Amino acid sequence: MTLEVGNKSSPSSLIVWIGDQPTAENALLKDMGSSIGASALMTVSWSQHPAGEGLNDLSVTLPEICDGSWYLRDATSFENADLDTLHDLELLGRSLVETIEAKLANYGLDWKNVILLGFGKGAGIALYASLLKIFPKQVSAMVLFSPIVAFPGYLGQKVANTRRNATALKLFTIWGNRNRSTPGNYRQALTQAIKKAPEVQSTPDTLPDGDHVFDSKCCNVLTSLLPLCLPR
């Protein structure tokens, strides 16, 4: 954990942020305590985890990222590095579960009281863990900015073969229309994977002039969406 704000004694909800640049993102998120009501907000860093090394080394400006070919690999063409990436994603997802579970126990809350927020690779870890039921129970909602999810076609196959929850999940995805790291063919493939999870109520949106960064404009969008996620 790299930041905690809001109601830290008896919160009604736990908001969890997982992004890619803790220092820069925390500078924007630290003032959100006044806009989250009786909730607590904590941010977690995956990049310092041993399983995060390979994902940390993956540059989002590589040509195969920007043209979508890396995302669109299927299982028949996976290399050892791709299998390592999938293994790391699962480990990072399970570590995220352990971190959240410890906080839920402290606060006397359940997974239905959790709202997940994220950006980039961190958002991808959260979405991967949710769709593949690495979380022991369904979270309440997710707001993800430019999530980077490895191999959405393969993910979609696994989602289709995973027992689904009846509990609905609100999912908001926000994409930058100038973000070369999340090309259109990748977004389309990820949308198809999400559709294989019928309990997910997906609402995509586009941020004008948005690039691959979580900035003050993104923070304003996040502030406007949180009331749709928090308990009434």
Protein backbone atom coordinates (compact mmCIF):
# COMPACT_ATOMS: atom_id res chain seq x y z
CA MET A 1 0.00 0.00 0.00
CA THR A 2 1.29 3.46 -0.86
CA LEU A 3 -1.57 5.75 0.24
CA GLU A 4 -4.59 5.71 2.55
CA VAL A 5 -7.16 8.53 2.75
CA GLY A 6 -10.79 8.91 3.78
CA ASN A 7 -12.56 7.22 6.68
CA LYS A 8 -9.91 4.92 8.17
CA SER A 9 -11.82 3.97 11.33
CA SER A 10 -15.18 2.55 10.21
CA PRO A 11 -15.65 3.03 6.46
CA SER A 12 -18.80 1.98 4.62
CA SER A 13 -16.83 0.98 1.50
CA LEU A 14 -13.24 0.26 0.52
CA ILE A 15 -12.01 1.94 -2.66
CA VAL A 16 -8.83 0.39 -4.05
CA TRP A 17 -6.61 2.03 -6.68
CA ILE A 18 -4.05 0.04 -8.67
CA GLY A 19 -2.15 1.99 -11.31
CA ASP A 20 1.33 2.16 -12.81
CA GLN A 21 2.97 5.33 -11.41
CA PRO A 22 2.31 5.44 -7.63
CA THR A 23 4.05 8.75 -6.94
CA ALA A 24 2.33 10.73 -9.70
CA GLU A 25 -1.05 9.03 -9.24
CA ASN A 26 -1.04 9.41 -5.46
CA ALA A 27 -0.42 13.15 -5.86
CA LEU A 28 -3.75 13.34 -7.71
CA LEU A 29 -5.66 10.86 -5.54
CA LYS A 30 -4.64 12.15 -2.10
CA ASP A 31 -7.21 14.96 -2.24
CA MET A 32 -10.11 12.60 -3.01
CA GLY A 33 -10.81 11.95 0.66
CA SER A 34 -13.33 14.79 0.67
CA SER A 35 -15.32 13.34 -2.26
CA ILE A 36 -15.71 9.70 -1.19
CA GLY A 37 -18.13 10.17 1.71
CA ALA A 38 -17.72 7.58 4.47
CA SER A 39 -15.44 5.37 2.35
CA ALA A 40 -11.75 4.60 2.72
CA LEU A 41 -9.40 4.78 -0.27
CA MET A 42 -6.11 2.93 -0.51
CA THR A 43 -3.65 2.64 -3.37
CA VAL A 44 -1.48 -0.40 -4.01
CA SER A 45 1.67 -0.82 -6.09
CA TRP A 46 2.19 -3.99 -8.12
CA SER A 47 5.54 -2.93 -9.63
CA GLN A 48 7.48 -3.63 -6.40
CA HIS A 49 6.17 -7.21 -6.24
CA PRO A 50 8.61 -9.93 -7.45
CA ALA A 51 5.99 -11.10 -9.97
CA GLY A 52 5.78 -7.59 -11.40
CA GLU A 53 9.27 -7.53 -12.91
CA GLY A 54 8.33 -8.86 -16.34
CA LEU A 55 5.21 -6.70 -16.64
CA ASN A 56 7.21 -3.69 -15.49
CA ASP A 57 9.71 -4.29 -18.31
CA LEU A 58 6.95 -4.40 -20.94
CA SER A 59 7.07 -1.03 -22.71
CA VAL A 60 3.65 0.25 -23.81
CA THR A 61 5.30 2.11 -26.70
CA LEU A 62 6.64 -1.02 -28.44
CA PRO A 63 5.53 -1.30 -32.10
CA GLU A 64 3.77 -4.63 -31.39
CA ILE A 65 1.78 -2.92 -28.63
CA CYS A 66 0.83 0.10 -30.71
CA ASP A 67 -0.25 -1.95 -33.75
CA GLY A 68 -2.15 -4.43 -31.54
CA SER A 69 -0.26 -7.54 -32.67
CA TRP A 70 1.02 -8.32 -29.15
CA TYR A 71 -2.48 -8.18 -27.70
CA LEU A 72 -3.94 -10.34 -30.46
CA ARG A 73 -1.64 -13.34 -30.05
CA ASP A 74 -3.51 -16.59 -29.53
CA ALA A 75 -2.55 -19.63 -27.51
CA THR A 76 -1.13 -21.47 -30.54
CA SER A 77 1.56 -18.81 -30.98
CA PHE A 78 2.44 -18.18 -27.33
CA GLU A 79 6.13 -18.06 -26.49
CA ASN A 80 7.66 -18.76 -23.08
CA ALA A 81 7.62 -15.05 -22.28
CA ASP A 82 3.87 -14.91 -22.98
CA LEU A 83 3.23 -17.84 -20.63
CA ASP A 84 5.36 -16.12 -18.00
CA THR A 85 3.24 -12.98 -18.41
CA LEU A 86 0.01 -14.93 -17.81
CA HIS A 87 1.54 -16.63 -14.76
CA ASP A 88 2.67 -13.26 -13.37
CA LEU A 89 -0.80 -11.78 -13.92
CA GLU A 90 -2.36 -14.55 -11.88
CA LEU A 91 0.20 -14.14 -9.08
CA LEU A 92 -0.32 -10.37 -8.99
CA GLY A 93 -4.10 -10.89 -8.93
CA ARG A 94 -3.80 -13.26 -5.97
CA SER A 95 -1.50 -10.82 -4.16
CA LEU A 96 -4.09 -8.08 -4.74
CA VAL A 97 -6.70 -10.36 -3.16
CA GLU A 98 -4.53 -10.94 -0.09
CA THR A 99 -3.90 -7.21 0.34
CA ILE A 100 -7.58 -6.33 0.07
CA GLU A 101 -8.70 -9.20 2.31
CA ALA A 102 -6.48 -7.96 5.13
CA LYS A 103 -8.09 -4.51 4.95
CA LEU A 104 -11.61 -5.92 4.73
CA ALA A 105 -10.95 -7.92 7.89
CA ASN A 106 -9.74 -4.78 9.67
CA TYR A 107 -12.82 -2.81 8.62
CA GLY A 108 -15.39 -5.60 8.99
CA LEU A 109 -16.40 -5.26 5.33
CA ASP A 110 -17.09 -7.79 2.56
CA TRP A 111 -16.09 -7.92 -1.11
CA LYS A 112 -19.47 -6.42 -2.06
CA ASN A 113 -18.20 -3.23 -0.35
CA VAL A 114 -15.14 -3.00 -2.64
CA ILE A 115 -14.80 -0.59 -5.57
CA LEU A 116 -11.74 -1.12 -7.77
CA LEU A 117 -10.11 1.72 -9.68
CA GLY A 118 -7.04 1.59 -11.87
CA PHE A 119 -4.94 2.69 -14.80
CA GLY A 120 -2.87 0.91 -17.45
CA LYS A 121 -1.23 -2.37 -16.49
CA GLY A 122 -2.57 -2.08 -12.94
CA ALA A 123 -6.11 -1.75 -14.28
CA GLY A 124 -5.39 -4.80 -16.46
CA ILE A 125 -4.39 -6.85 -13.40
CA ALA A 126 -7.66 -5.90 -11.68
CA LEU A 127 -9.81 -6.70 -14.72
CA TYR A 128 -8.03 -10.00 -15.36
CA ALA A 129 -8.53 -11.05 -11.72
CA SER A 130 -12.20 -10.08 -11.81
CA LEU A 131 -13.10 -11.79 -15.09
CA LEU A 132 -11.31 -15.02 -14.12
CA LYS A 133 -12.83 -15.08 -10.61
CA ILE A 134 -9.52 -14.80 -8.80
CA PHE A 135 -11.45 -12.56 -6.41
CA PRO A 136 -13.34 -14.86 -4.02
CA LYS A 137 -16.52 -12.78 -4.42
CA GLN A 138 -17.81 -10.14 -6.81
CA VAL A 139 -16.75 -6.56 -6.15
CA SER A 140 -19.32 -3.78 -6.40
CA ALA A 141 -17.89 -1.75 -9.30
CA MET A 142 -14.75 -0.98 -11.30
CA VAL A 143 -13.55 2.23 -12.98
CA LEU A 144 -10.56 1.55 -15.24
CA PHE A 145 -8.56 4.00 -17.34
CA SER A 146 -6.84 2.56 -20.44
CA PRO A 147 -6.56 -0.98 -19.03
CA ILE A 148 -3.80 -3.06 -20.60
CA VAL A 149 -4.89 -6.72 -20.56
CA ALA A 150 -2.68 -9.37 -22.10
CA PHE A 151 -4.12 -11.50 -24.91
CA PRO A 152 -7.86 -10.67 -24.69
CA GLY A 153 -8.78 -13.39 -27.21
CA TYR A 154 -7.26 -16.05 -24.97
CA LEU A 155 -8.80 -14.35 -21.93
CA GLY A 156 -12.23 -14.52 -23.57
CA GLN A 157 -11.89 -18.29 -24.00
CA LYS A 158 -11.03 -18.68 -20.31
CA VAL A 159 -13.88 -16.38 -19.28
CA ALA A 160 -16.35 -18.49 -21.28
CA ASN A 161 -15.14 -21.60 -19.44
CA THR A 162 -15.27 -20.02 -15.98
CA ARG A 163 -18.37 -20.35 -13.83
CA ARG A 164 -20.05 -16.94 -13.78
CA ASN A 165 -21.54 -15.00 -10.86
CA ALA A 166 -25.18 -13.98 -10.79
CA THR A 167 -24.26 -10.74 -9.01
CA ALA A 168 -23.97 -7.80 -11.40
CA LEU A 169 -20.73 -5.82 -11.73
CA LYS A 170 -20.65 -2.21 -12.91
CA LEU A 171 -17.62 -1.68 -15.15
CA PHE A 172 -16.63 1.73 -16.50
CA THR A 173 -13.72 1.82 -18.97
CA ILE A 174 -12.28 5.16 -20.09
CA TRP A 175 -10.04 5.27 -23.15
CA GLY A 176 -7.91 8.12 -24.46
CA ASN A 177 -8.67 8.78 -28.12
CA ARG A 178 -4.98 9.62 -28.72
CA ASN A 179 -3.64 6.64 -26.79
CA ARG A 180 -1.48 4.63 -29.20
CA SER A 181 -0.86 1.99 -26.50
CA THR A 182 -4.48 0.81 -26.64
CA PRO A 183 -5.24 0.54 -30.38
CA GLY A 184 -8.75 -0.02 -31.73
CA ASN A 185 -8.26 -3.69 -32.61
CA TYR A 186 -7.20 -4.39 -29.02
CA ARG A 187 -10.15 -2.52 -27.53
CA GLN A 188 -12.52 -4.44 -29.79
CA ALA A 189 -10.99 -7.78 -28.74
CA LEU A 190 -11.23 -6.83 -25.06
CA THR A 191 -14.87 -5.81 -25.51
CA GLN A 192 -15.61 -9.25 -26.96
CA ALA A 193 -13.90 -10.92 -23.99
CA ILE A 194 -15.93 -8.86 -21.51
CA LYS A 195 -19.16 -9.79 -23.30
CA LYS A 196 -18.50 -13.43 -22.40
CA ALA A 197 -19.15 -12.44 -18.77
CA PRO A 198 -22.90 -11.63 -18.86
CA GLU A 199 -22.93 -10.33 -15.28
CA VAL A 200 -20.65 -7.42 -16.25
CA GLN A 201 -22.55 -4.21 -17.06
CA SER A 202 -19.90 -2.54 -19.20
CA THR A 203 -19.97 1.19 -19.97
CA PRO A 204 -17.07 2.39 -22.17
CA ASP A 205 -16.25 6.05 -22.71
CA THR A 206 -13.63 8.06 -24.58
CA LEU A 207 -11.57 10.92 -23.19
CA PRO A 208 -10.99 13.60 -25.87
CA ASP A 209 -7.26 14.22 -26.42
CA GLY A 210 -6.52 11.53 -23.83
CA ASP A 211 -3.13 9.81 -23.99
CA HIS A 212 -1.67 6.93 -21.98
CA VAL A 213 -1.45 8.79 -18.69
CA PHE A 214 -3.58 9.28 -15.60
CA ASP A 215 -3.77 13.06 -15.22
CA SER A 216 -6.02 15.74 -13.73
CA LYS A 217 -8.58 15.30 -16.55
CA CYS A 218 -8.83 11.61 -15.73
CA CYS A 219 -9.12 12.45 -12.05
CA ASN A 220 -12.08 14.74 -12.80
CA VAL A 221 -13.78 11.93 -14.72
CA LEU A 222 -13.12 9.56 -11.83
CA THR A 223 -14.65 12.00 -9.34
CA SER A 224 -17.79 12.25 -11.51
CA LEU A 225 -18.15 8.45 -11.82
CA LEU A 226 -17.60 7.51 -8.18
CA PRO A 227 -21.11 8.54 -7.06
CA LEU A 228 -22.46 5.94 -9.52
CA CYS A 229 -20.36 3.28 -7.76
CA LEU A 230 -20.70 4.20 -4.09
CA PRO A 231 -23.67 2.92 -2.01
CA ARG A 232 -26.55 5.34 -1.97
